[in-house]
C-alpha atoms as a PDB file:
ATOM      1  CA  MET A   1     -11.946 -43.361  17.435  1.00  0.00           C
ATOM      2  CA  ALA A   2     -13.564 -39.555  16.638  1.00  0.00           C
ATOM      3  CA  ILE A   3     -15.317 -38.040  19.160  1.00  0.00           C
ATOM      4  CA  PRO A   4     -18.314 -37.342  18.565  1.00  0.00           C
ATOM      5  CA  PHE A   5     -19.927 -33.478  19.353  1.00  0.00           C
ATOM      6  CA  SER A   6     -23.759 -32.202  19.503  1.00  0.00           C
ATOM      7  CA  ASP A   7     -24.606 -29.468  17.573  1.00  0.00           C
ATOM      8  CA  GLU A   8     -24.254 -27.315  20.125  1.00  0.00           C
ATOM      9  CA  ALA A   9     -20.258 -28.113  20.796  1.00  0.00           C
ATOM     10  CA  SER A  10     -19.728 -28.085  16.821  1.00  0.00           C
ATOM     11  CA  LEU A  11     -21.335 -24.200  16.835  1.00  0.00           C
ATOM     12  CA  ARG A  12     -19.232 -23.325  19.767  1.00  0.00           C
ATOM     13  CA  TRP A  13     -16.392 -24.657  17.676  1.00  0.00           C
ATOM     14  CA  ALA A  14     -17.284 -22.840  14.707  1.00  0.00           C
ATOM     15  CA  LEU A  15     -18.023 -18.863  16.753  1.00  0.00           C
ATOM     16  CA  ILE A  16     -14.322 -19.832  18.544  1.00  0.00           C
ATOM     17  CA  GLY A  17     -12.711 -19.938  14.977  1.00  0.00           C
ATOM     18  CA  PHE A  18     -14.845 -16.771  13.520  1.00  0.00           C
ATOM     19  CA  GLU A  19     -13.542 -15.145  16.635  1.00  0.00           C
ATOM     20  CA  PHE A  20      -9.601 -15.919  16.115  1.00  0.00           C
ATOM     21  CA  PHE A  21     -10.300 -15.273  11.670  1.00  0.00           C
ATOM     22  CA  ILE A  22     -11.655 -11.703  13.296  1.00  0.00           C
ATOM     23  CA  GLY A  23      -9.039 -11.160  15.171  1.00  0.00           C
ATOM     24  CA  ILE A  24      -6.173 -12.460  13.000  1.00  0.00           C
ATOM     25  CA  ALA A  25      -7.203 -10.563  10.023  1.00  0.00           C
ATOM     26  CA  LEU A  26      -7.293  -7.006  12.404  1.00  0.00           C
ATOM     27  CA  VAL A  27      -3.415  -7.453  13.544  1.00  0.00           C
ATOM     28  CA  TYR A  28      -2.424  -8.331  10.090  1.00  0.00           C
ATOM     29  CA  ASN A  29      -4.388  -6.103   7.607  1.00  0.00           C
ATOM     30  CA  SER A  30      -3.157  -3.226  10.447  1.00  0.00           C
ATOM     31  CA  ARG A  31      -0.340  -2.947   8.914  1.00  0.00           C
ATOM     32  CA  THR A  32      -1.548  -1.230   5.926  1.00  0.00           C
ATOM     33  CA  GLN A  33      -3.076   1.313   7.525  1.00  0.00           C
ATOM     34  CA  PRO A  34      -1.274   5.104   8.829  1.00  0.00           C
ATOM     35  CA  PHE A  35      -2.180   4.253  12.575  1.00  0.00           C
ATOM     36  CA  PRO A  36      -2.108   0.640  12.778  1.00  0.00           C
ATOM     37  CA  ARG A  37      -2.628   0.947  16.924  1.00  0.00           C
ATOM     38  CA  PRO A  38      -6.597   1.071  16.662  1.00  0.00           C
ATOM     39  CA  SER A  39      -7.007  -2.179  14.578  1.00  0.00           C
ATOM     40  CA  ALA A  40      -4.005  -3.900  16.000  1.00  0.00           C
ATOM     41  CA  ARG A  41      -5.574  -3.801  19.462  1.00  0.00           C
ATOM     42  CA  PHE A  42      -9.145  -4.855  18.747  1.00  0.00           C
ATOM     43  CA  GLY A  43      -7.756  -7.654  17.064  1.00  0.00           C
ATOM     44  CA  TRP A  44      -5.139  -8.253  20.019  1.00  0.00           C
ATOM     45  CA  LEU A  45      -8.080  -8.318  22.496  1.00  0.00           C
ATOM     46  CA  VAL A  46     -10.583 -10.375  20.002  1.00  0.00           C
ATOM     47  CA  ILE A  47      -7.712 -12.861  20.077  1.00  0.00           C
ATOM     48  CA  LEU A  48      -7.244 -13.198  23.611  1.00  0.00           C
ATOM     49  CA  LEU A  49     -10.704 -13.294  24.501  1.00  0.00           C
ATOM     50  CA  ALA A  50     -11.315 -15.874  21.438  1.00  0.00           C
ATOM     51  CA  THR A  51      -8.601 -17.401  23.760  1.00  0.00           C
ATOM     52  CA  LEU A  52      -9.698 -17.806  27.038  1.00  0.00           C
ATOM     53  CA  VAL A  53     -12.967 -18.969  25.807  1.00  0.00           C
ATOM     54  CA  LEU A  54     -11.252 -22.314  24.042  1.00  0.00           C
ATOM     55  CA  ILE A  55      -9.268 -22.724  26.973  1.00  0.00           C
ATOM     56  CA  GLY A  56     -12.978 -22.470  28.814  1.00  0.00           C
ATOM     57  CA  GLN A  57     -13.714 -25.274  26.614  1.00  0.00           C
ATOM     58  CA  ALA A  58     -11.948 -27.599  28.742  1.00  0.00           C
ATOM     59  CA  ALA A  59     -14.355 -26.755  31.606  1.00  0.00           C
ATOM     60  CA  PRO A  60     -17.489 -29.333  32.746  1.00  0.00           C
ATOM     61  CA  LYS A  61     -19.698 -26.473  32.015  1.00  0.00           C
ATOM     62  CA  PRO A  62     -18.256 -24.408  28.944  1.00  0.00           C
ATOM     63  CA  MET A  63     -19.248 -21.173  27.313  1.00  0.00           C
ATOM     64  CA  THR A  64     -22.591 -21.615  26.198  1.00  0.00           C
ATOM     65  CA  VAL A  65     -23.958 -20.999  22.810  1.00  0.00           C
ATOM     66  CA  PHE A  66     -25.919 -18.415  23.925  1.00  0.00           C
ATOM     67  CA  ALA A  67     -23.152 -16.527  25.844  1.00  0.00           C
ATOM     68  CA  HIS A  68     -21.052 -16.703  22.579  1.00  0.00           C
ATOM     69  CA  PHE A  69     -23.926 -14.816  21.379  1.00  0.00           C
ATOM     70  CA  VAL A  70     -24.516 -12.464  23.363  1.00  0.00           C
ATOM     71  CA  MET A  71     -20.290 -11.960  24.118  1.00  0.00           C
ATOM     72  CA  LEU A  72     -19.855 -11.168  20.235  1.00  0.00           C
ATOM     73  CA  SER A  73     -22.730  -8.242  20.189  1.00  0.00           C
ATOM     74  CA  GLY A  74     -21.546  -6.600  23.571  1.00  0.00           C
ATOM     75  CA  LEU A  75     -17.248  -6.737  22.200  1.00  0.00           C
ATOM     76  CA  GLY A  76     -19.285  -6.263  18.490  1.00  0.00           C
ATOM     77  CA  GLY A  77     -20.929  -3.498  19.314  1.00  0.00           C
ATOM     78  CA  PHE A  78     -18.318  -1.808  21.229  1.00  0.00           C
ATOM     79  CA  GLY A  79     -16.003  -2.053  18.431  1.00  0.00           C
ATOM     80  CA  LEU A  80     -18.732  -0.963  15.736  1.00  0.00           C
ATOM     81  CA  VAL A  81     -19.171   2.309  18.267  1.00  0.00           C
ATOM     82  CA  ALA A  82     -15.427   2.933  18.166  1.00  0.00           C
ATOM     83  CA  GLY A  83     -14.539   2.206  14.983  1.00  0.00           C
ATOM     84  CA  VAL A  84     -17.348   4.365  12.706  1.00  0.00           C
ATOM     85  CA  TYR A  85     -16.160   7.079  15.036  1.00  0.00           C
ATOM     86  CA  GLN A  86     -12.491   6.304  13.588  1.00  0.00           C
ATOM     87  CA  LEU A  87     -14.212   6.225   9.910  1.00  0.00           C
ATOM     88  CA  ALA A  88     -16.052   9.060   9.914  1.00  0.00           C
ATOM     89  CA  GLN A  89     -14.555  11.643  12.554  1.00  0.00           C
ATOM     90  CA  THR A  90     -10.760  10.966  12.681  1.00  0.00           C
ATOM     91  CA  GLN A  91     -10.395   9.152   9.556  1.00  0.00           C
ATOM     92  CA  ARG A  92      -7.274   7.300  10.737  1.00  0.00           C
ATOM     93  CA  ASP A  93      -9.005   3.693  10.947  1.00  0.00           C
ATOM     94  CA  VAL A  94     -11.137   1.862   8.103  1.00  0.00           C
ATOM     95  CA  LEU A  95     -11.132  -1.926   9.546  1.00  0.00           C
ATOM     96  CA  VAL A  96     -12.433  -2.233  13.078  1.00  0.00           C
ATOM     97  CA  ALA A  97     -15.868  -0.974  11.622  1.00  0.00           C
ATOM     98  CA  PRO A  98     -16.476  -3.448   9.297  1.00  0.00           C
ATOM     99  CA  TYR A  99     -14.403  -6.153  10.749  1.00  0.00           C
ATOM    100  CA  ALA A 100     -16.473  -5.031  14.498  1.00  0.00           C
ATOM    101  CA  GLY A 101     -19.721  -4.974  12.198  1.00  0.00           C
ATOM    102  CA  MET A 102     -19.570  -8.742  11.528  1.00  0.00           C
ATOM    103  CA  MET A 103     -19.150 -10.052  14.957  1.00  0.00           C
ATOM    104  CA  PHE A 104     -22.085  -7.858  15.851  1.00  0.00           C
ATOM    105  CA  CYS A 105     -24.033  -8.882  13.144  1.00  0.00           C
ATOM    106  CA  VAL A 106     -23.376 -12.585  14.063  1.00  0.00           C
ATOM    107  CA  GLY A 107     -24.227 -11.880  17.287  1.00  0.00           C
ATOM    108  CA  VAL A 108     -27.520 -10.450  17.018  1.00  0.00           C
ATOM    109  CA  VAL A 109     -28.337 -12.605  14.057  1.00  0.00           C
ATOM    110  CA  GLY A 110     -27.642 -15.655  16.577  1.00  0.00           C
ATOM    111  CA  LEU A 111     -29.436 -14.383  19.693  1.00  0.00           C
ATOM    112  CA  MET A 112     -32.449 -13.616  17.350  1.00  0.00           C
ATOM    113  CA  VAL A 113     -32.484 -16.955  16.531  1.00  0.00           C
ATOM    114  CA  GLN A 114     -32.197 -18.717  19.616  1.00  0.00           C
ATOM    115  CA  THR A 115     -35.157 -16.909  20.635  1.00  0.00           C
ATOM    116  CA  TRP A 116     -37.228 -17.238  17.452  1.00  0.00           C
ATOM    117  CA  ASP A 117     -39.463 -19.807  18.566  1.00  0.00           C
ATOM    118  CA  GLU A 118     -40.669 -17.530  21.469  1.00  0.00           C
ATOM    119  CA  LEU A 119     -41.187 -14.752  19.693  1.00  0.00           C
ATOM    120  CA  SER A 120     -44.708 -13.760  18.492  1.00  0.00           C
ATOM    121  CA  LYS A 121     -45.480 -12.686  14.616  1.00  0.00           C
ATOM    122  CA  VAL A 122     -45.321  -8.981  15.858  1.00  0.00           C
ATOM    123  CA  GLU A 123     -41.449  -9.827  17.019  1.00  0.00           C
ATOM    124  CA  GLN A 124     -40.297 -11.825  14.558  1.00  0.00           C
ATOM    125  CA  TRP A 125     -41.193  -9.191  11.235  1.00  0.00           C
ATOM    126  CA  ALA A 126     -39.313  -6.977  13.776  1.00  0.00           C
ATOM    127  CA  GLY A 127     -36.705  -9.335  14.027  1.00  0.00           C
ATOM    128  CA  PHE A 128     -36.793  -9.801  10.587  1.00  0.00           C
ATOM    129  CA  LEU A 129     -36.737  -6.026   9.470  1.00  0.00           C
ATOM    130  CA  THR A 130     -33.409  -5.902  12.067  1.00  0.00           C
ATOM    131  CA  ILE A 131     -31.555  -8.716  10.356  1.00  0.00           C
ATOM    132  CA  VAL A 132     -32.030  -6.556   6.601  1.00  0.00           C
ATOM    133  CA  VAL A 133     -31.274  -2.867   7.960  1.00  0.00           C
ATOM    134  CA  LEU A 134     -27.885  -4.484   9.703  1.00  0.00           C
ATOM    135  CA  GLY A 135     -26.891  -6.935   5.981  1.00  0.00           C
ATOM    136  CA  GLY A 136     -27.551  -3.581   4.672  1.00  0.00           C
ATOM    137  CA  GLY A 137     -25.552  -1.312   6.992  1.00  0.00           C
ATOM    138  CA  GLU A 138     -22.736  -3.827   7.087  1.00  0.00           C
ATOM    139  CA  THR A 139     -22.042  -4.000   3.529  1.00  0.00           C
ATOM    140  CA  TRP A 140     -22.138  -0.450   3.458  1.00  0.00           C
ATOM    141  CA  LEU A 141     -19.250  -0.771   6.220  1.00  0.00           C
ATOM    142  CA  ILE A 142     -17.364  -3.140   3.798  1.00  0.00           C
ATOM    143  CA  PHE A 143     -17.755  -0.805   0.827  1.00  0.00           C
ATOM    144  CA  ARG A 144     -17.022   2.306   2.255  1.00  0.00           C
ATOM    145  CA  GLY A 145     -14.296   0.873   4.825  1.00  0.00           C
ATOM    146  CA  LEU A 146     -12.681  -1.967   2.970  1.00  0.00           C
ATOM    147  CA  LEU A 147     -12.927  -1.538  -0.843  1.00  0.00           C
ATOM    148  CA  ILE A 148     -13.340   2.359  -1.329  1.00  0.00           C
ATOM    149  CA  GLY A 149     -11.500   2.921   2.177  1.00  0.00           C
ATOM    150  CA  LYS A 150      -8.895   6.062   2.136  1.00  0.00           C
ATOM    151  CA  LEU A 151      -7.429   7.813   4.544  1.00  0.00           C
ATOM    152  CA  PRO A 152      -5.314  10.521   2.975  1.00  0.00           C
ATOM    153  CA  ARG A 153      -5.403  13.074   5.753  1.00  0.00           C
ATOM    154  CA  ALA A 154      -4.154  10.359   7.865  1.00  0.00           C
ATOM    155  CA  TRP A 155      -1.059   9.145   5.556  1.00  0.00           C
ATOM    156  CA  SER A 156      -0.108  13.162   5.825  1.00  0.00           C
ATOM    157  CA  GLN A 157      -0.140  12.796   9.471  1.00  0.00           C
ATOM    158  CA  ALA A 158       1.489   9.886  10.039  1.00  0.00           C
ATOM    159  CA  GLY A 159       4.417  10.858   7.409  1.00  0.00           C
ATOM    160  CA  MET A 160       4.697  14.007   9.522  1.00  0.00           C
ATOM    161  CA  VAL A 161       5.234  11.705  12.611  1.00  0.00           C
ATOM    162  CA  ALA A 162       7.780   9.436  10.837  1.00  0.00           C
ATOM    163  CA  LEU A 163       9.629  12.665   9.957  1.00  0.00           C
ATOM    164  CA  LEU A 164       9.872  13.785  13.395  1.00  0.00           C
ATOM    165  CA  GLN A 165      11.004  11.216  14.306  1.00  0.00           C
ATOM    166  CA  GLY A 166      14.026  10.366  11.177  1.00  0.00           C
ATOM    167  CA  ARG A 167      12.475   7.383   9.768  1.00  0.00           C
ATOM    168  CA  LEU A 168      12.296   8.739   5.990  1.00  0.00           C
ATOM    169  CA  THR A 169      12.839   5.728   4.060  1.00  0.00           C
ATOM    170  CA  GLY A 170      10.973   2.088   4.192  1.00  0.00           C
ATOM    171  CA  HIS A 171       7.978   0.347   5.666  1.00  0.00           C
ATOM    172  CA  ASN A 172       5.559   3.250   6.927  1.00  0.00           C
ATOM    173  CA  GLY A 173       8.521   5.662   6.664  1.00  0.00           C
ATOM    174  CA  ALA A 174       7.853   9.268   5.790  1.00  0.00           C
ATOM    175  CA  ILE A 175       8.435   8.741   2.230  1.00  0.00           C
ATOM    176  CA  GLU A 176       5.990   6.391   2.046  1.00  0.00           C
ATOM    177  CA  CYS A 177       3.717   7.973   3.731  1.00  0.00           C
ATOM    178  CA  PHE A 178       3.201  10.828   1.856  1.00  0.00           C
ATOM    179  CA  GLU A 179       2.964   9.528  -1.296  1.00  0.00           C
ATOM    180  CA  LYS A 180      -0.379   8.196  -0.196  1.00  0.00           C
ATOM    181  CA  GLY A 181      -1.128  11.340   1.774  1.00  0.00           C
ATOM    182  CA  TRP A 182      -2.751  12.810  -1.604  1.00  0.00           C
ATOM    183  CA  ASP A 183      -6.517  12.414  -2.787  1.00  0.00           C
ATOM    184  CA  ALA A 184      -8.533  13.788  -5.809  1.00  0.00           C
ATOM    185  CA  ASP A 185     -11.426  14.853  -3.522  1.00  0.00           C
ATOM    186  CA  GLU A 186      -9.097  16.650  -0.638  1.00  0.00           C
ATOM    187  CA  GLU A 187      -6.936  18.801  -3.283  1.00  0.00           C
ATOM    188  CA  HIS A 188      -5.613  20.561  -0.353  1.00  0.00           C
ATOM    189  CA  LEU A 189      -3.628  17.478   0.610  1.00  0.00           C
ATOM    190  CA  ASN A 190      -2.222  17.254  -2.559  1.00  0.00           C
ATOM    191  CA  PRO A 191       0.436  20.349  -2.351  1.00  0.00           C
ATOM    192  CA  MET A 192       1.132  19.244   1.325  1.00  0.00           C
ATOM    193  CA  ALA A 193       2.075  16.304   0.109  1.00  0.00           C
ATOM    194  CA  TYR A 194       4.492  17.086  -2.750  1.00  0.00           C
ATOM    195  CA  VAL A 195       6.348  19.602  -1.272  1.00  0.00           C
ATOM    196  CA  ALA A 196       7.140  17.576   1.589  1.00  0.00           C
ATOM    197  CA  LEU A 197       8.254  14.544  -0.940  1.00  0.00           C
ATOM    198  CA  HIS A 198      10.345  17.138  -2.678  1.00  0.00           C
ATOM    199  CA  ARG A 199      12.275  18.508   0.793  1.00  0.00           C
ATOM    200  CA  ILE A 200      12.893  14.924   1.911  1.00  0.00           C
ATOM    201  CA  HIS A 201      14.004  13.801  -1.694  1.00  0.00           C
ATOM    202  CA  LEU A 202      16.461  16.643  -1.480  1.00  0.00           C
ATOM    203  CA  PHE A 203      17.640  16.199   2.315  1.00  0.00           C
ATOM    204  CA  LEU A 204      18.398  12.486   0.535  1.00  0.00           C
ATOM    205  CA  GLY A 205      21.007  14.086  -2.317  1.00  0.00           C
ATOM    206  CA  GLN A 206      18.177  12.503  -4.458  1.00  0.00           C
ATOM    207  CA  ASP A 207      17.769  15.292  -7.659  1.00  0.00           C
ATOM    208  CA  LYS A 208      16.381  13.973 -10.111  1.00  0.00           C
ATOM    209  CA  GLU A 209      13.035  12.256  -7.440  1.00  0.00           C
ATOM    210  CA  ALA A 210      13.125  15.716  -5.829  1.00  0.00           C
ATOM    211  CA  GLN A 211      12.202  17.378  -9.454  1.00  0.00           C
ATOM    212  CA  THR A 212       9.591  14.746 -10.268  1.00  0.00           C
ATOM    213  CA  TRP A 213       7.764  16.140  -7.583  1.00  0.00           C
ATOM    214  CA  LYS A 214       8.803  19.611  -7.410  1.00  0.00           C
ATOM    215  CA  THR A 215       6.698  19.965 -10.954  1.00  0.00           C
ATOM    216  CA  TYR A 216       3.632  17.916  -9.513  1.00  0.00           C
ATOM    217  CA  LEU A 217       3.933  20.960  -6.759  1.00  0.00           C
ATOM    218  CA  ASP A 218       4.092  23.497  -9.342  1.00  0.00           C
ATOM    219  CA  ARG A 219       0.714  22.094 -10.899  1.00  0.00           C
ATOM    220  CA  GLU A 220      -0.758  22.488  -7.902  1.00  0.00           C
ATOM    221  CA  GLY A 221       0.075  26.269  -7.281  1.00  0.00           C
ATOM    222  CA  GLY A 222       3.752  25.778  -6.193  1.00  0.00           C
ATOM    223  CA  GLU A 223       4.481  26.305  -2.635  1.00  0.00           C
ATOM    224  CA  ALA A 224       2.586  29.359  -2.314  1.00  0.00           C
ATOM    225  CA  ALA A 225      -0.650  26.936  -2.118  1.00  0.00           C
ATOM    226  CA  VAL A 226       1.367  25.182   1.338  1.00  0.00           C
ATOM    227  CA  ALA A 227       1.183  27.223   5.063  1.00  0.00           C
ATOM    228  CA  ASP A 228       4.866  28.417   5.116  1.00  0.00           C
ATOM    229  CA  GLU A 229       4.087  26.856   8.647  1.00  0.00           C
ATOM    230  CA  TYR A 230       3.977  23.412   7.378  1.00  0.00           C
ATOM    231  CA  ILE A 231       6.916  24.275   5.620  1.00  0.00           C
ATOM    232  CA  LEU A 232       9.056  25.388   7.831  1.00  0.00           C
ATOM    233  CA  ALA A 233       8.104  22.065  10.564  1.00  0.00           C
ATOM    234  CA  ILE A 234       9.563  20.110   7.796  1.00  0.00           C
ATOM    235  CA  HIS A 235      12.907  22.240   7.767  1.00  0.00           C
ATOM    236  CA  ALA A 236      13.291  22.151  11.431  1.00  0.00           C
ATOM    237  CA  ALA A 237      12.831  18.488  11.253  1.00  0.00           C
ATOM    238  CA  LEU A 238      15.319  17.673   8.356  1.00  0.00           C
ATOM    239  CA  THR A 239      17.535  20.163  10.276  1.00  0.00           C
ATOM    240  CA  ASP A 240      17.118  18.344  13.497  1.00  0.00           C
ATOM    241  CA  LEU A 241      18.121  14.838  11.955  1.00  0.00           C
ATOM    242  CA  ASP A 242      21.116  16.559   9.813  1.00  0.00           C
ATOM    243  CA  PRO A 243      22.841  20.154   9.641  1.00  0.00           C
ATOM    244  CA  GLN A 244      24.757  19.322   7.082  1.00  0.00           C
ATOM    245  CA  ALA A 245      22.192  17.065   4.714  1.00  0.00           C
ATOM    246  CA  ALA A 246      19.382  20.081   5.317  1.00  0.00           C
ATOM    247  CA  MET A 247      21.911  22.757   3.467  1.00  0.00           C
ATOM    248  CA  ARG A 248      20.906  21.555   0.316  1.00  0.00           C
ATOM    249  CA  LEU A 249      17.363  22.723   1.086  1.00  0.00           C
ATOM    250  CA  PRO A 250      16.492  25.931  -0.342  1.00  0.00           C
ATOM    251  CA  LEU A 251      16.337  28.788   1.965  1.00  0.00           C
ATOM    252  CA  ARG A 252      12.549  30.662   3.457  1.00  0.00           C
ATOM    253  CA  PRO A 253      12.224  34.342   3.918  1.00  0.00           C
ATOM    254  CA  GLU A 254      11.711  33.572   7.456  1.00  0.00           C
ATOM    255  CA  GLU A 255      14.781  31.581   7.363  1.00  0.00           C
ATOM    256  CA  GLU A 256      17.155  33.960   5.517  1.00  0.00           C
END
């Protein structure tokens, strides 16, 4: 015998499913980021809260739809502020802002719908304009973050972190990170990525690949376009990994 659900109960289950979708999407897609920790942490936070709400459905008085919308508005607003900071300032994550924006929009619009009959005409028009602004802002976040989001600086930083940790190959290894650490709009990053790739392939004894990146480097002005401190840091990291293999690297004037 099927259990009948009221409209409010069905909406609660839909909201719980929406929260699990956001959390799982953040955790899953975080693997494609140079620094997966911000989106993964926020995703697990959303999953944890959704799980608690799911468990609470067995209580005599489960969380109301109104309280659910309040939670979505608060959690989405927090994630939106943190995500926009990551997207615009640190440029290390493009996922949190659009996904948190979805939660914020659903929460705020849900609260408006819940109280719509109690609003005056002026408040209803203000609410309608707010919905339009939220929709436009979320569309921009999706376009800027999920569709064209590029993190060349973050990939270059992640490549150096992976190099210092000794992770040269494999998923999110130094080679993969530096291969994504270039951008047509930030041309100063290109020779930095190319010289790092050239040195790593020389270190691994892959002369053909090293020559390919050397050609790209020469097109960008050669090693003169890269700070000596940056190249020395790469040499030092590779030497710490294997001094014998590091002998394949060309000597810098500072190292002679």
